[in-house]
Protein backbone atom coordinates (compact mmCIF):
# COMPACT_ATOMS: atom_id res chain seq x y z
CA MET A 1 10.61 -16.23 23.67
CA ASP A 2 14.24 -16.88 24.12
CA ILE A 3 17.09 -14.92 22.58
CA THR A 4 17.61 -17.30 19.65
CA ALA A 5 13.95 -17.08 18.63
CA ILE A 6 14.08 -13.29 18.68
CA ALA A 7 17.27 -13.32 16.61
CA GLU A 8 15.71 -15.77 14.16
CA VAL A 9 12.63 -13.57 13.72
CA ALA A 10 14.81 -10.49 13.21
CA THR A 11 16.91 -12.32 10.62
CA THR A 12 13.84 -13.58 8.79
CA LEU A 13 12.32 -10.09 8.66
CA SER A 14 15.58 -8.62 7.43
CA GLU A 15 15.80 -11.28 4.71
CA ALA A 16 12.24 -10.58 3.64
CA ARG A 17 12.95 -6.85 3.39
CA THR A 18 16.09 -7.48 1.37
CA ASN A 19 14.30 -9.90 -0.97
CA GLN A 20 11.50 -7.39 -1.48
CA ALA A 21 13.97 -4.58 -2.21
CA VAL A 22 15.79 -6.74 -4.75
CA GLY A 23 12.52 -7.72 -6.38
CA ILE A 24 11.45 -4.09 -6.68
CA ALA A 25 14.82 -3.11 -8.15
CA VAL A 26 14.58 -5.88 -10.76
CA LEU A 27 11.03 -4.84 -11.60
CA LYS A 28 12.07 -1.21 -12.05
CA LYS A 29 14.91 -2.25 -14.37
CA ALA A 30 12.53 -4.41 -16.40
CA ILE A 31 10.06 -1.53 -16.72
CA ASP A 32 12.85 0.84 -17.79
CA GLN A 33 14.08 -1.70 -20.36
CA ASN A 34 10.56 -2.15 -21.74
CA ALA A 35 10.13 1.61 -22.02
CA GLU A 36 13.45 1.87 -23.85
CA ASN A 37 12.44 -0.94 -26.22
CA ALA A 38 9.10 0.73 -26.91
CA LEU A 39 10.79 4.03 -27.72
CA SER A 40 13.19 2.33 -30.10
CA LEU A 41 10.30 0.57 -31.84
CA ILE A 42 8.39 3.83 -32.18
CA SER A 43 11.44 5.61 -33.56
CA ALA A 44 11.94 2.77 -36.07
CA LEU A 45 8.52 3.37 -37.64
CA PRO A 46 8.63 4.95 -41.08
CA ASN A 47 7.56 8.54 -41.48
CA VAL A 48 3.89 9.01 -42.26
CA GLN A 49 3.14 10.39 -45.69
CA ASN A 50 0.90 13.38 -45.98
CA LEU A 51 -2.24 11.72 -47.25
CA PRO A 52 -5.28 13.56 -48.57
CA PRO A 53 -7.73 14.43 -45.79
CA HIS A 54 -10.49 12.14 -47.12
CA ILE A 55 -8.36 8.96 -46.84
CA GLY A 56 -8.76 7.01 -43.63
CA LYS A 57 -11.99 8.63 -42.54
CA ASN A 58 -14.38 5.79 -43.46
CA ILE A 59 -14.48 2.16 -42.42
CA ASN A 60 -16.08 -0.46 -44.66
CA VAL A 61 -18.20 -2.51 -42.25
CA VAL A 62 -20.04 -4.42 -45.01
CA ALA A 63 -17.42 -6.69 -46.48
């Protein structure tokens, strides 16, 4: 291998590492944004009424 080939390989590896780091950073930001959106959706839900204990216990499977 000559010097230019070694330099080219080093540059390619450095580029690959940089691209991977950028991809991971973008993914982390997307995950954080999704978590923030999920929390805002959950907080936007109306408060649950205190229903009697017998409501919601049975499922009608013969409809």
